[in-house]
Protein backbone atom coordinates (compact mmCIF):
# COMPACT_ATOMS: atom_id res chain seq x y z
CA MET A 1 -6.60 -27.81 -30.67
CA PRO A 2 -6.52 -24.30 -32.07
CA THR A 3 -7.04 -21.35 -29.92
CA GLN A 4 -8.91 -18.93 -32.60
CA VAL A 5 -11.90 -20.52 -32.61
CA ALA A 6 -13.90 -17.23 -32.78
CA GLY A 7 -12.44 -16.43 -35.96
CA HIS A 8 -13.67 -19.45 -37.78
CA PRO A 9 -16.24 -21.77 -35.68
CA PHE A 10 -15.83 -24.50 -37.83
CA TRP A 11 -12.58 -26.54 -38.19
CA GLY A 12 -12.26 -29.83 -40.36
CA TYR A 13 -9.64 -31.95 -40.49
CA ARG A 14 -7.81 -29.92 -43.27
CA ARG A 15 -7.66 -26.90 -41.43
CA VAL A 16 -6.72 -28.63 -38.24
CA TRP A 17 -4.09 -30.36 -40.20
CA ALA A 18 -2.66 -27.03 -41.95
CA HIS A 19 -2.73 -25.40 -38.36
CA MET A 20 -0.98 -28.25 -36.80
CA THR A 21 1.64 -28.48 -39.75
CA TYR A 22 2.51 -24.76 -40.29
CA VAL A 23 1.68 -23.01 -36.92
CA ASP A 24 2.75 -25.65 -34.31
CA GLY A 25 5.41 -27.56 -36.88
CA LEU A 26 4.26 -30.89 -36.35
CA LYS A 27 4.67 -33.46 -38.81
CA ILE A 28 1.35 -35.22 -39.18
CA SER A 29 -0.75 -36.86 -42.06
CA LYS A 30 -3.91 -35.50 -42.93
CA HIS A 31 -5.58 -39.20 -42.94
CA ARG A 32 -4.19 -39.40 -39.37
CA VAL A 33 -6.24 -36.05 -38.49
CA GLU A 34 -9.13 -37.15 -40.02
CA ARG A 35 -8.94 -40.73 -38.50
CA LEU A 36 -8.54 -39.07 -34.99
CA LEU A 37 -11.45 -36.68 -35.43
CA LYS A 38 -13.75 -39.68 -36.65
CA GLN A 39 -12.70 -41.61 -33.62
CA HIS A 40 -13.71 -38.73 -31.04
CA ASN A 41 -16.97 -37.73 -33.09
CA LEU A 42 -15.71 -34.49 -33.90
CA GLN A 43 -16.64 -34.51 -37.77
CA VAL A 44 -20.13 -33.18 -39.10
CA LYS A 45 -22.41 -35.84 -40.06
CA LYS A 46 -23.75 -35.51 -43.71
CA ASN A 47 -27.21 -34.48 -43.96
CA LEU A 48 -28.62 -36.44 -46.75
CA LYS A 49 -31.71 -34.47 -46.85
CA LEU A 50 -29.85 -31.88 -48.79
CA LYS A 51 -28.37 -34.00 -51.49
CA ALA A 52 -29.64 -33.21 -54.93
CA ILE A 53 -31.70 -35.52 -56.70
CA ARG A 54 -30.70 -35.91 -60.26
CA ARG A 55 -33.06 -37.69 -62.94
CA ALA A 56 -32.62 -37.68 -66.57
CA ASP A 57 -35.92 -36.27 -67.53
CA THR A 58 -35.16 -35.06 -70.95
CA LYS A 59 -33.47 -37.06 -73.73
CA LYS A 60 -30.58 -35.52 -75.90
CA PRO A 61 -31.84 -34.05 -79.09
CA LYS A 62 -31.17 -36.03 -82.17
CA PRO A 63 -30.73 -34.45 -85.83
CA THR A 64 -32.69 -35.86 -88.75
CA HIS A 65 -30.64 -34.84 -91.31
CA PRO A 66 -26.74 -34.82 -91.64
CA ASN A 67 -25.31 -31.33 -90.73
CA GLN A 68 -28.54 -30.42 -88.81
CA TRP A 69 -26.99 -28.27 -86.21
């Protein structure tokens, strides 16, 4: 695991993969890193309360005559 945790407190699977690939020189796929983080419960759970609620409140304007716009 990375040693400089104080520089950036949150390490996702992409950052872990990049460190292992380019700094440590290991050949490993991003999918394997993501799977291992999931197995050991090291990934952040999604907060569904923060998801934006999108509704179609307004309708698209429709021209009443040709070339009105």
